[in-house]
N, C-alpha and C. Protein backbone atom coordinates (compact mmCIF):
# COMPACT_ATOMS: atom_id res chain seq x y z
N MET A 1 19.94 35.16 -86.23
CA MET A 1 18.71 34.87 -86.96
C MET A 1 17.83 36.11 -87.00
N LYS A 2 17.28 36.38 -88.14
CA LYS A 2 16.44 37.56 -88.29
C LYS A 2 15.16 37.41 -87.48
N PHE A 3 14.76 38.49 -86.82
CA PHE A 3 13.56 38.47 -85.97
C PHE A 3 12.31 38.37 -86.83
N LEU A 4 11.45 37.42 -86.49
CA LEU A 4 10.19 37.25 -87.19
C LEU A 4 9.07 37.14 -86.17
N ALA A 5 8.01 37.87 -86.38
CA ALA A 5 6.83 37.74 -85.50
C ALA A 5 5.60 37.83 -86.39
N VAL A 6 4.98 36.72 -86.62
CA VAL A 6 3.86 36.65 -87.57
C VAL A 6 2.57 36.45 -86.79
N LEU A 7 1.61 37.30 -87.02
CA LEU A 7 0.30 37.13 -86.41
C LEU A 7 -0.53 36.21 -87.29
N LEU A 8 -0.94 35.07 -86.73
CA LEU A 8 -1.73 34.13 -87.51
C LEU A 8 -3.15 34.62 -87.67
N PHE A 9 -3.76 35.03 -86.58
CA PHE A 9 -5.10 35.60 -86.67
C PHE A 9 -5.38 36.45 -85.46
N ILE A 10 -6.36 37.31 -85.60
CA ILE A 10 -6.77 38.20 -84.52
C ILE A 10 -8.27 38.04 -84.31
N THR A 11 -8.67 37.82 -83.09
CA THR A 11 -10.09 37.74 -82.78
C THR A 11 -10.43 38.81 -81.77
N THR A 12 -11.55 39.46 -81.96
CA THR A 12 -11.97 40.55 -81.09
C THR A 12 -13.38 40.28 -80.58
N SER A 13 -13.55 40.44 -79.27
CA SER A 13 -14.86 40.28 -78.66
C SER A 13 -15.34 41.62 -78.14
N PHE A 14 -16.63 41.88 -78.30
CA PHE A 14 -17.23 43.10 -77.78
C PHE A 14 -18.31 42.69 -76.79
N TYR A 15 -18.43 43.46 -75.72
CA TYR A 15 -19.43 43.13 -74.72
C TYR A 15 -19.97 44.41 -74.11
N SER A 16 -21.25 44.42 -73.79
CA SER A 16 -21.87 45.58 -73.17
C SER A 16 -22.77 45.14 -72.03
N ASN A 17 -22.61 45.78 -70.89
CA ASN A 17 -23.47 45.52 -69.74
C ASN A 17 -23.73 46.85 -69.07
N ALA A 18 -24.89 47.46 -69.39
CA ALA A 18 -25.22 48.79 -68.88
C ALA A 18 -24.12 49.75 -69.31
N ALA A 19 -23.45 50.42 -68.35
CA ALA A 19 -22.44 51.41 -68.70
C ALA A 19 -21.07 50.79 -68.92
N VAL A 20 -20.90 49.49 -68.60
CA VAL A 20 -19.59 48.85 -68.73
C VAL A 20 -19.52 48.09 -70.06
N GLN A 21 -18.51 48.40 -70.85
CA GLN A 21 -18.30 47.71 -72.12
C GLN A 21 -16.84 47.33 -72.24
N TYR A 22 -16.57 46.33 -73.09
CA TYR A 22 -15.17 46.01 -73.33
C TYR A 22 -14.95 45.56 -74.76
N GLN A 23 -13.72 45.75 -75.20
CA GLN A 23 -13.22 45.23 -76.47
C GLN A 23 -12.00 44.40 -76.15
N PHE A 24 -12.08 43.10 -76.40
CA PHE A 24 -11.01 42.17 -76.05
C PHE A 24 -10.49 41.51 -77.32
N THR A 25 -9.21 41.72 -77.61
CA THR A 25 -8.59 41.21 -78.82
C THR A 25 -7.54 40.16 -78.47
N THR A 26 -7.58 39.04 -79.19
CA THR A 26 -6.59 37.98 -79.01
C THR A 26 -5.70 37.89 -80.25
N ASN A 27 -4.40 38.03 -80.05
CA ASN A 27 -3.42 37.88 -81.13
C ASN A 27 -2.60 36.61 -80.89
N HIS A 28 -2.16 35.98 -81.97
CA HIS A 28 -1.26 34.84 -81.87
C HIS A 28 0.00 35.12 -82.71
N TYR A 29 1.14 34.74 -82.17
CA TYR A 29 2.37 34.81 -82.97
C TYR A 29 2.83 33.37 -83.27
N ASN A 30 3.22 33.13 -84.51
CA ASN A 30 3.57 31.80 -84.99
C ASN A 30 4.95 31.36 -84.53
N LEU A 31 5.05 30.10 -84.15
CA LEU A 31 6.33 29.51 -83.77
C LEU A 31 6.51 28.18 -84.49
N LYS A 32 7.71 27.94 -85.00
CA LYS A 32 8.10 26.64 -85.52
C LYS A 32 9.24 26.12 -84.66
N ALA A 33 9.07 24.91 -84.14
CA ALA A 33 10.09 24.37 -83.23
C ALA A 33 10.12 22.86 -83.33
N ASP A 34 11.31 22.29 -83.13
CA ASP A 34 11.50 20.84 -83.20
C ASP A 34 11.30 20.15 -81.86
N SER A 35 11.39 20.92 -80.76
CA SER A 35 11.31 20.34 -79.42
C SER A 35 10.95 21.44 -78.44
N THR A 36 10.75 21.06 -77.19
CA THR A 36 10.43 22.08 -76.18
C THR A 36 11.62 23.01 -75.96
N ASN A 37 12.83 22.49 -76.00
CA ASN A 37 14.00 23.36 -75.85
C ASN A 37 14.09 24.35 -77.00
N ASP A 38 13.83 23.88 -78.21
CA ASP A 38 13.82 24.77 -79.37
C ASP A 38 12.69 25.79 -79.25
N LEU A 39 11.56 25.35 -78.70
CA LEU A 39 10.43 26.26 -78.50
C LEU A 39 10.82 27.42 -77.59
N VAL A 40 11.50 27.13 -76.50
CA VAL A 40 11.93 28.19 -75.58
C VAL A 40 12.83 29.19 -76.30
N THR A 41 13.74 28.69 -77.12
CA THR A 41 14.63 29.57 -77.89
C THR A 41 13.84 30.47 -78.82
N LYS A 42 12.84 29.90 -79.51
CA LYS A 42 12.05 30.67 -80.46
C LYS A 42 11.19 31.72 -79.75
N VAL A 43 10.66 31.38 -78.58
CA VAL A 43 9.86 32.35 -77.84
C VAL A 43 10.72 33.53 -77.42
N ARG A 44 11.96 33.27 -77.02
CA ARG A 44 12.86 34.36 -76.66
C ARG A 44 13.08 35.32 -77.83
N ARG A 45 13.12 34.77 -79.04
CA ARG A 45 13.37 35.60 -80.22
C ARG A 45 12.10 36.28 -80.72
N GLN A 46 10.99 35.58 -80.68
CA GLN A 46 9.80 36.04 -81.37
C GLN A 46 8.64 36.45 -80.45
N GLY A 47 8.75 36.13 -79.18
CA GLY A 47 7.64 36.42 -78.27
C GLY A 47 7.51 37.90 -77.96
N PRO A 48 6.39 38.30 -77.39
CA PRO A 48 6.18 39.71 -77.01
C PRO A 48 7.14 40.12 -75.91
N LYS A 49 7.45 41.39 -75.85
CA LYS A 49 8.36 41.92 -74.84
C LYS A 49 7.59 42.79 -73.85
N SER A 50 7.92 42.62 -72.58
CA SER A 50 7.42 43.52 -71.55
C SER A 50 8.62 44.32 -71.07
N SER A 51 8.71 45.57 -71.53
CA SER A 51 9.96 46.34 -71.42
C SER A 51 11.03 45.52 -72.13
N LYS A 52 12.04 45.03 -71.44
CA LYS A 52 13.06 44.21 -72.08
C LYS A 52 12.93 42.74 -71.71
N GLN A 53 11.83 42.40 -71.02
CA GLN A 53 11.63 41.02 -70.56
C GLN A 53 11.02 40.16 -71.66
N ASP A 54 11.68 39.03 -71.99
CA ASP A 54 11.09 38.07 -72.92
C ASP A 54 9.86 37.46 -72.28
N SER A 55 8.84 37.20 -73.09
CA SER A 55 7.57 36.72 -72.52
C SER A 55 6.93 35.66 -73.39
N TRP A 56 6.27 34.73 -72.73
CA TRP A 56 5.41 33.78 -73.43
C TRP A 56 4.13 34.46 -73.89
N ALA A 57 3.57 35.27 -73.03
CA ALA A 57 2.28 35.91 -73.31
C ALA A 57 2.20 37.22 -72.56
N ILE A 58 1.39 38.14 -73.09
CA ILE A 58 1.24 39.44 -72.44
C ILE A 58 -0.17 39.97 -72.66
N LEU A 59 -0.71 40.59 -71.63
CA LEU A 59 -2.01 41.25 -71.70
C LEU A 59 -1.81 42.73 -71.43
N ASN A 60 -2.23 43.58 -72.36
CA ASN A 60 -2.24 45.02 -72.18
C ASN A 60 -3.70 45.49 -72.13
N TRP A 61 -3.98 46.43 -71.24
CA TRP A 61 -5.36 46.89 -71.11
C TRP A 61 -5.41 48.37 -70.71
N ASP A 62 -6.57 48.96 -70.94
CA ASP A 62 -6.81 50.34 -70.52
C ASP A 62 -8.26 50.43 -70.06
N LEU A 63 -8.50 51.30 -69.10
CA LEU A 63 -9.84 51.49 -68.54
C LEU A 63 -10.18 52.97 -68.59
N ASN A 64 -11.17 53.32 -69.40
CA ASN A 64 -11.54 54.71 -69.61
C ASN A 64 -13.01 54.93 -69.27
N THR A 65 -13.32 56.13 -68.80
CA THR A 65 -14.69 56.49 -68.44
C THR A 65 -15.11 57.73 -69.23
N GLU A 66 -16.23 57.61 -69.93
CA GLU A 66 -16.86 58.77 -70.55
C GLU A 66 -17.92 59.28 -69.57
N TYR A 67 -17.94 60.57 -69.34
CA TYR A 67 -18.82 61.09 -68.28
C TYR A 67 -19.30 62.50 -68.60
N HIS A 68 -20.28 62.94 -67.83
CA HIS A 68 -20.70 64.33 -67.86
C HIS A 68 -21.15 64.71 -66.44
N PHE A 69 -21.40 65.99 -66.25
CA PHE A 69 -21.85 66.48 -64.95
C PHE A 69 -23.30 66.96 -65.04
N SER A 70 -24.00 66.83 -63.94
CA SER A 70 -25.37 67.32 -63.84
C SER A 70 -25.49 68.13 -62.55
N SER A 71 -25.84 69.41 -62.69
CA SER A 71 -25.90 70.30 -61.54
C SER A 71 -27.33 70.74 -61.25
N ASN A 72 -27.65 70.80 -59.98
CA ASN A 72 -28.92 71.37 -59.53
C ASN A 72 -28.72 71.96 -58.14
N GLU A 73 -29.82 72.24 -57.44
CA GLU A 73 -29.70 72.87 -56.13
C GLU A 73 -29.01 71.97 -55.10
N ASN A 74 -28.93 70.65 -55.38
CA ASN A 74 -28.28 69.73 -54.46
C ASN A 74 -26.77 69.64 -54.66
N GLY A 75 -26.27 70.23 -55.75
CA GLY A 75 -24.84 70.18 -56.03
C GLY A 75 -24.56 69.63 -57.43
N CYS A 76 -23.36 69.14 -57.64
CA CYS A 76 -22.93 68.64 -58.94
C CYS A 76 -22.72 67.13 -58.87
N SER A 77 -23.36 66.42 -59.80
CA SER A 77 -23.26 64.96 -59.84
C SER A 77 -22.37 64.53 -61.00
N PHE A 78 -21.54 63.54 -60.74
CA PHE A 78 -20.71 62.92 -61.77
C PHE A 78 -21.51 61.77 -62.37
N ILE A 79 -21.75 61.83 -63.68
CA ILE A 79 -22.55 60.82 -64.37
C ILE A 79 -21.65 60.05 -65.34
N ALA A 80 -21.50 58.75 -65.10
CA ALA A 80 -20.70 57.90 -65.99
C ALA A 80 -21.58 57.43 -67.15
N ASP A 81 -21.28 57.89 -68.35
CA ASP A 81 -22.03 57.46 -69.53
C ASP A 81 -21.57 56.09 -70.01
N GLU A 82 -20.28 55.84 -69.90
CA GLU A 82 -19.73 54.57 -70.36
C GLU A 82 -18.38 54.32 -69.69
N ILE A 83 -18.18 53.09 -69.27
CA ILE A 83 -16.88 52.64 -68.79
C ILE A 83 -16.40 51.59 -69.79
N MET A 84 -15.30 51.88 -70.45
CA MET A 84 -14.83 51.03 -71.55
C MET A 84 -13.47 50.44 -71.22
N ILE A 85 -13.36 49.12 -71.38
CA ILE A 85 -12.09 48.42 -71.24
C ILE A 85 -11.60 48.05 -72.64
N ILE A 86 -10.38 48.44 -72.95
CA ILE A 86 -9.73 48.01 -74.19
C ILE A 86 -8.60 47.07 -73.78
N ALA A 87 -8.66 45.82 -74.22
CA ALA A 87 -7.66 44.83 -73.81
C ALA A 87 -7.18 44.04 -75.01
N GLU A 88 -5.89 43.69 -74.97
CA GLU A 88 -5.29 42.90 -76.04
C GLU A 88 -4.34 41.88 -75.42
N VAL A 89 -4.56 40.62 -75.74
CA VAL A 89 -3.67 39.56 -75.26
C VAL A 89 -2.93 38.96 -76.44
N THR A 90 -1.66 38.67 -76.25
CA THR A 90 -0.82 38.06 -77.28
C THR A 90 -0.33 36.71 -76.76
N LEU A 91 -0.59 35.66 -77.54
CA LEU A 91 -0.30 34.28 -77.12
C LEU A 91 0.50 33.55 -78.20
N PRO A 92 1.26 32.53 -77.82
CA PRO A 92 2.04 31.77 -78.81
C PRO A 92 1.19 30.71 -79.51
N LEU A 93 1.58 30.40 -80.75
CA LEU A 93 0.94 29.32 -81.49
C LEU A 93 2.03 28.47 -82.14
N TRP A 94 2.16 27.24 -81.68
CA TRP A 94 3.16 26.30 -82.20
C TRP A 94 2.56 25.65 -83.44
N ILE A 95 2.94 26.14 -84.62
CA ILE A 95 2.21 25.80 -85.84
C ILE A 95 2.63 24.47 -86.47
N ASP A 96 3.81 23.94 -86.12
CA ASP A 96 4.24 22.66 -86.70
C ASP A 96 4.39 21.59 -85.62
N ILE A 97 3.59 21.69 -84.58
CA ILE A 97 3.71 20.77 -83.45
C ILE A 97 3.34 19.34 -83.84
N GLU A 98 2.63 19.17 -84.96
CA GLU A 98 2.24 17.81 -85.37
C GLU A 98 3.46 16.94 -85.69
N HIS A 99 4.63 17.55 -85.87
CA HIS A 99 5.85 16.80 -86.14
C HIS A 99 6.54 16.31 -84.87
N THR A 100 6.01 16.65 -83.73
CA THR A 100 6.59 16.21 -82.46
C THR A 100 5.86 14.97 -81.95
N THR A 101 6.28 14.47 -80.81
CA THR A 101 5.67 13.26 -80.24
C THR A 101 4.33 13.57 -79.59
N GLN A 102 3.55 12.54 -79.36
CA GLN A 102 2.25 12.71 -78.71
C GLN A 102 2.38 13.29 -77.30
N PRO A 103 3.35 12.84 -76.48
CA PRO A 103 3.50 13.46 -75.16
C PRO A 103 3.77 14.96 -75.23
N VAL A 104 4.60 15.38 -76.20
CA VAL A 104 4.88 16.81 -76.36
C VAL A 104 3.62 17.55 -76.77
N GLN A 105 2.86 16.99 -77.69
CA GLN A 105 1.61 17.63 -78.12
C GLN A 105 0.62 17.76 -76.97
N GLN A 106 0.52 16.70 -76.15
CA GLN A 106 -0.37 16.75 -75.00
C GLN A 106 0.09 17.81 -74.00
N TRP A 107 1.40 17.84 -73.77
CA TRP A 107 1.93 18.86 -72.86
C TRP A 107 1.62 20.25 -73.37
N TRP A 108 1.84 20.51 -74.66
CA TRP A 108 1.63 21.85 -75.20
C TRP A 108 0.17 22.27 -75.07
N GLN A 109 -0.74 21.36 -75.30
CA GLN A 109 -2.15 21.68 -75.17
C GLN A 109 -2.47 22.13 -73.74
N GLU A 110 -1.90 21.44 -72.75
CA GLU A 110 -2.14 21.79 -71.36
C GLU A 110 -1.45 23.10 -70.98
N PHE A 111 -0.22 23.27 -71.47
CA PHE A 111 0.53 24.48 -71.13
C PHE A 111 -0.11 25.72 -71.78
N TYR A 112 -0.51 25.58 -73.05
CA TYR A 112 -1.17 26.70 -73.72
C TYR A 112 -2.45 27.08 -72.99
N SER A 113 -3.25 26.10 -72.60
CA SER A 113 -4.48 26.37 -71.86
C SER A 113 -4.19 27.10 -70.57
N PHE A 114 -3.09 26.71 -69.92
CA PHE A 114 -2.72 27.36 -68.67
C PHE A 114 -2.42 28.84 -68.87
N ILE A 115 -1.55 29.16 -69.85
CA ILE A 115 -1.18 30.57 -70.02
C ILE A 115 -2.34 31.39 -70.56
N GLU A 116 -3.18 30.79 -71.40
CA GLU A 116 -4.35 31.50 -71.90
C GLU A 116 -5.31 31.80 -70.75
N ASN A 117 -5.58 30.80 -69.92
CA ASN A 117 -6.50 31.00 -68.80
C ASN A 117 -5.94 32.00 -67.79
N HIS A 118 -4.62 31.98 -67.61
CA HIS A 118 -4.01 32.91 -66.66
C HIS A 118 -4.24 34.35 -67.10
N GLU A 119 -3.95 34.65 -68.37
CA GLU A 119 -4.12 36.02 -68.85
C GLU A 119 -5.60 36.40 -68.92
N ASN A 120 -6.46 35.45 -69.28
CA ASN A 120 -7.89 35.73 -69.27
C ASN A 120 -8.39 36.04 -67.87
N SER A 121 -7.81 35.39 -66.88
CA SER A 121 -8.19 35.66 -65.49
C SER A 121 -7.79 37.07 -65.08
N HIS A 122 -6.64 37.54 -65.56
CA HIS A 122 -6.26 38.93 -65.30
C HIS A 122 -7.27 39.88 -65.94
N PHE A 123 -7.70 39.56 -67.15
CA PHE A 123 -8.72 40.41 -67.77
C PHE A 123 -10.02 40.39 -66.96
N ASN A 124 -10.41 39.22 -66.48
CA ASN A 124 -11.62 39.12 -65.68
C ASN A 124 -11.53 39.98 -64.43
N ASN A 125 -10.33 40.08 -63.85
CA ASN A 125 -10.14 40.96 -62.71
C ASN A 125 -10.44 42.41 -63.08
N VAL A 126 -9.92 42.83 -64.23
CA VAL A 126 -10.17 44.20 -64.70
C VAL A 126 -11.67 44.43 -64.90
N TYR A 127 -12.33 43.46 -65.49
CA TYR A 127 -13.76 43.60 -65.76
C TYR A 127 -14.56 43.69 -64.46
N GLU A 128 -14.23 42.86 -63.48
CA GLU A 128 -14.93 42.92 -62.20
C GLU A 128 -14.72 44.26 -61.51
N ILE A 129 -13.53 44.82 -61.63
CA ILE A 129 -13.25 46.13 -61.05
C ILE A 129 -14.07 47.20 -61.77
N ALA A 130 -14.19 47.09 -63.08
CA ALA A 130 -15.00 48.05 -63.84
C ALA A 130 -16.46 47.99 -63.41
N LEU A 131 -16.99 46.79 -63.19
CA LEU A 131 -18.36 46.65 -62.71
C LEU A 131 -18.53 47.28 -61.33
N ALA A 132 -17.55 47.05 -60.46
CA ALA A 132 -17.62 47.63 -59.12
C ALA A 132 -17.55 49.16 -59.18
N LEU A 133 -16.69 49.68 -60.06
CA LEU A 133 -16.58 51.13 -60.22
C LEU A 133 -17.91 51.71 -60.70
N GLU A 134 -18.51 51.07 -61.69
CA GLU A 134 -19.79 51.56 -62.22
C GLU A 134 -20.87 51.55 -61.13
N HIS A 135 -20.90 50.48 -60.34
CA HIS A 135 -21.89 50.38 -59.26
C HIS A 135 -21.68 51.47 -58.22
N ASN A 136 -20.42 51.68 -57.82
CA ASN A 136 -20.14 52.68 -56.80
C ASN A 136 -20.41 54.10 -57.28
N LEU A 137 -20.18 54.35 -58.57
CA LEU A 137 -20.46 55.67 -59.11
C LEU A 137 -21.95 55.98 -59.08
N GLN A 138 -22.78 54.95 -59.22
CA GLN A 138 -24.22 55.17 -59.14
C GLN A 138 -24.64 55.60 -57.74
N GLN A 139 -23.85 55.20 -56.72
CA GLN A 139 -24.16 55.54 -55.34
C GLN A 139 -23.52 56.85 -54.89
N LEU A 140 -22.73 57.46 -55.76
CA LEU A 140 -21.97 58.65 -55.38
C LEU A 140 -22.90 59.84 -55.16
N GLU A 141 -22.76 60.48 -54.00
CA GLU A 141 -23.58 61.65 -53.67
C GLU A 141 -23.10 62.88 -54.44
N PRO A 142 -24.00 63.82 -54.73
CA PRO A 142 -23.58 65.06 -55.39
C PRO A 142 -22.53 65.80 -54.56
N ALA A 143 -21.59 66.42 -55.25
CA ALA A 143 -20.53 67.20 -54.60
C ALA A 143 -20.93 68.67 -54.60
N THR A 144 -20.21 69.46 -53.82
CA THR A 144 -20.52 70.89 -53.74
C THR A 144 -20.28 71.60 -55.06
N ASN A 145 -19.33 71.08 -55.87
CA ASN A 145 -19.08 71.65 -57.20
C ASN A 145 -18.55 70.55 -58.11
N CYS A 146 -18.48 70.84 -59.40
CA CYS A 146 -18.11 69.80 -60.37
C CYS A 146 -16.64 69.43 -60.30
N LYS A 147 -15.79 70.35 -59.89
CA LYS A 147 -14.38 70.02 -59.70
C LYS A 147 -14.24 68.97 -58.60
N GLN A 148 -14.99 69.15 -57.52
CA GLN A 148 -14.94 68.18 -56.44
C GLN A 148 -15.56 66.86 -56.86
N ALA A 149 -16.60 66.92 -57.69
CA ALA A 149 -17.25 65.70 -58.18
C ALA A 149 -16.25 64.86 -58.98
N LYS A 150 -15.44 65.52 -59.79
CA LYS A 150 -14.44 64.78 -60.57
C LYS A 150 -13.37 64.20 -59.65
N GLN A 151 -12.96 64.96 -58.65
CA GLN A 151 -11.98 64.45 -57.70
C GLN A 151 -12.51 63.23 -56.95
N ASN A 152 -13.80 63.25 -56.62
CA ASN A 152 -14.40 62.10 -55.95
C ASN A 152 -14.37 60.87 -56.85
N TYR A 153 -14.63 61.09 -58.14
CA TYR A 153 -14.56 59.98 -59.10
C TYR A 153 -13.15 59.41 -59.18
N LEU A 154 -12.15 60.29 -59.31
CA LEU A 154 -10.77 59.83 -59.43
C LEU A 154 -10.33 59.06 -58.18
N HIS A 155 -10.76 59.55 -57.01
CA HIS A 155 -10.44 58.85 -55.77
C HIS A 155 -11.05 57.46 -55.77
N MET A 156 -12.30 57.37 -56.23
CA MET A 156 -12.99 56.07 -56.27
C MET A 156 -12.32 55.13 -57.26
N LYS A 157 -11.91 55.66 -58.40
CA LYS A 157 -11.24 54.83 -59.41
C LYS A 157 -9.92 54.31 -58.87
N HIS A 158 -9.15 55.15 -58.21
CA HIS A 158 -7.87 54.72 -57.66
C HIS A 158 -8.06 53.66 -56.58
N GLN A 159 -9.13 53.77 -55.81
CA GLN A 159 -9.43 52.74 -54.82
C GLN A 159 -9.67 51.39 -55.49
N GLN A 160 -10.42 51.41 -56.59
CA GLN A 160 -10.69 50.16 -57.30
C GLN A 160 -9.43 49.59 -57.93
N LEU A 161 -8.57 50.46 -58.44
CA LEU A 161 -7.32 49.99 -59.04
C LEU A 161 -6.40 49.39 -57.97
N ASP A 162 -6.47 49.92 -56.75
CA ASP A 162 -5.70 49.32 -55.65
C ASP A 162 -6.21 47.91 -55.35
N ILE A 163 -7.52 47.74 -55.41
CA ILE A 163 -8.11 46.41 -55.21
C ILE A 163 -7.67 45.48 -56.34
N LEU A 164 -7.65 46.00 -57.57
CA LEU A 164 -7.21 45.21 -58.72
C LEU A 164 -5.77 44.74 -58.53
N LYS A 165 -4.92 45.59 -58.00
CA LYS A 165 -3.53 45.22 -57.77
C LYS A 165 -3.44 44.02 -56.84
N VAL A 166 -4.24 44.02 -55.81
CA VAL A 166 -4.24 42.89 -54.87
C VAL A 166 -4.74 41.62 -55.55
N LEU A 167 -5.81 41.74 -56.33
CA LEU A 167 -6.35 40.58 -57.05
C LEU A 167 -5.32 40.00 -58.01
N ASP A 168 -4.63 40.86 -58.74
CA ASP A 168 -3.63 40.39 -59.70
C ASP A 168 -2.43 39.76 -59.00
N GLU A 169 -2.01 40.35 -57.90
CA GLU A 169 -0.89 39.78 -57.16
C GLU A 169 -1.25 38.40 -56.61
N THR A 170 -2.48 38.25 -56.16
CA THR A 170 -2.94 36.95 -55.65
C THR A 170 -2.93 35.91 -56.77
N LEU A 171 -3.39 36.30 -57.95
CA LEU A 171 -3.40 35.41 -59.10
C LEU A 171 -2.00 34.99 -59.50
N ASP A 172 -1.07 35.95 -59.51
CA ASP A 172 0.31 35.64 -59.89
C ASP A 172 1.00 34.76 -58.85
N LYS A 173 0.73 34.99 -57.58
CA LYS A 173 1.31 34.15 -56.53
C LYS A 173 0.83 32.71 -56.67
N LYS A 174 -0.43 32.54 -56.99
CA LYS A 174 -0.98 31.20 -57.19
C LYS A 174 -0.27 30.50 -58.35
N ALA A 175 -0.02 31.24 -59.44
CA ALA A 175 0.67 30.66 -60.60
C ALA A 175 2.11 30.31 -60.26
N ARG A 176 2.77 31.17 -59.49
CA ARG A 176 4.16 30.87 -59.09
C ARG A 176 4.23 29.63 -58.22
N ARG A 177 3.27 29.47 -57.30
CA ARG A 177 3.25 28.27 -56.47
C ARG A 177 3.06 27.03 -57.33
N LEU A 178 2.22 27.15 -58.36
CA LEU A 178 2.00 26.02 -59.26
C LEU A 178 3.28 25.67 -60.01
N PHE A 179 4.02 26.67 -60.44
CA PHE A 179 5.26 26.43 -61.17
C PHE A 179 6.24 25.62 -60.33
N PHE A 180 6.34 25.94 -59.04
CA PHE A 180 7.31 25.26 -58.19
C PHE A 180 6.79 23.92 -57.66
N SER A 181 5.51 23.63 -57.90
CA SER A 181 4.98 22.37 -57.36
C SER A 181 4.57 21.36 -58.42
N SER A 182 4.28 21.84 -59.65
CA SER A 182 3.72 20.96 -60.67
C SER A 182 4.81 20.46 -61.61
N GLU A 183 5.25 19.23 -61.41
CA GLU A 183 6.25 18.64 -62.28
C GLU A 183 5.67 18.35 -63.67
N LYS A 184 4.42 17.95 -63.72
CA LYS A 184 3.81 17.54 -64.97
C LYS A 184 3.71 18.70 -65.96
N LEU A 185 3.24 19.84 -65.49
CA LEU A 185 2.98 20.96 -66.40
C LEU A 185 4.24 21.72 -66.77
N PHE A 186 5.17 21.87 -65.84
CA PHE A 186 6.31 22.75 -66.08
C PHE A 186 7.65 22.02 -66.22
N SER A 187 7.68 20.72 -66.00
CA SER A 187 8.95 20.01 -66.03
C SER A 187 9.71 20.17 -67.35
N PRO A 188 9.05 20.23 -68.53
CA PRO A 188 9.82 20.43 -69.77
C PRO A 188 10.51 21.79 -69.83
N LEU A 189 10.11 22.74 -68.97
CA LEU A 189 10.68 24.08 -69.02
C LEU A 189 11.64 24.37 -67.88
N LYS A 190 11.88 23.40 -67.01
CA LYS A 190 12.69 23.66 -65.82
C LYS A 190 14.17 23.45 -66.04
N GLN A 191 14.55 23.13 -67.25
CA GLN A 191 15.96 22.93 -67.56
C GLN A 191 16.54 24.23 -68.10
N GLY A 192 17.07 25.05 -67.20
CA GLY A 192 17.76 26.26 -67.64
C GLY A 192 16.87 27.45 -67.89
N THR A 193 15.61 27.41 -67.51
CA THR A 193 14.74 28.57 -67.71
C THR A 193 13.78 28.68 -66.54
N LYS A 194 13.23 29.86 -66.36
CA LYS A 194 12.24 30.12 -65.33
C LYS A 194 11.03 30.80 -65.96
N ILE A 195 9.96 30.85 -65.20
CA ILE A 195 8.76 31.56 -65.65
C ILE A 195 8.44 32.62 -64.61
N TYR A 196 8.15 33.83 -65.07
CA TYR A 196 7.81 34.94 -64.19
C TYR A 196 6.36 35.35 -64.45
N PHE A 197 5.61 35.53 -63.39
CA PHE A 197 4.24 35.99 -63.49
C PHE A 197 4.18 37.37 -62.84
N GLU A 198 4.00 38.40 -63.64
CA GLU A 198 4.05 39.77 -63.14
C GLU A 198 2.87 40.58 -63.67
N SER A 199 2.45 41.56 -62.86
CA SER A 199 1.35 42.43 -63.24
C SER A 199 1.63 43.85 -62.74
N GLY A 200 0.98 44.81 -63.39
CA GLY A 200 1.11 46.20 -62.98
C GLY A 200 1.24 47.11 -64.17
N GLY A 201 0.86 48.37 -64.00
CA GLY A 201 0.97 49.33 -65.09
C GLY A 201 0.08 49.00 -66.26
N MET A 202 -1.11 48.51 -65.98
CA MET A 202 -2.11 48.16 -67.00
C MET A 202 -1.62 47.07 -67.96
N ARG A 203 -0.92 46.09 -67.39
CA ARG A 203 -0.51 44.93 -68.16
C ARG A 203 -0.20 43.78 -67.22
N SER A 204 -0.20 42.60 -67.77
CA SER A 204 0.30 41.43 -67.07
C SER A 204 1.02 40.57 -68.10
N TYR A 205 2.02 39.83 -67.64
CA TYR A 205 2.77 39.01 -68.61
C TYR A 205 3.33 37.77 -67.94
N ILE A 206 3.58 36.78 -68.77
CA ILE A 206 4.24 35.55 -68.33
C ILE A 206 5.62 35.60 -68.96
N GLY A 207 6.61 35.96 -68.15
CA GLY A 207 7.96 36.17 -68.65
C GLY A 207 8.82 34.93 -68.55
N MET A 208 10.02 35.03 -69.10
CA MET A 208 10.93 33.89 -69.10
C MET A 208 12.38 34.39 -69.00
């Protein structure tokens, strides 16, 4: 079958809070399926890929800082002008689900909400880390020179990204525990398929 991936619509949100801003875009890819088993097959063909991993949904993000230096007799200060998050989430949209049964429609509504909330929670982790980075940069003491000031910034950013890794791993572990415990939400998908919750490298995805 020829590969098809149709974006139904794209929504973008912009937000600004002092030096921290974000652009968050939501994409949907269309799916037509007769049943949950058919849905799984279509997602494998048409869903987003994380490397070579088939996925239900994926969040890609980047965190950039615009900055300048200010020097005086006390040394060189790193000044963050803007911390910008660029994020894009891709989610499935079952466009002909009205032809299925009411239990299937109810299940899909709950499952879609779950995967949407999961990826949004990963984005919220990134945003909280950006706020913490901005706050800590305001407390940063002047360095002896501007090269050292930049190194201090990079060290601080890496510290925050290490914290983000822990937050994301905790979120994914919680989702995995839910998968193995919740018959109601995941039982239609437990016949011959698994769900993977993974994060890292400025992305998170729900694989299959």
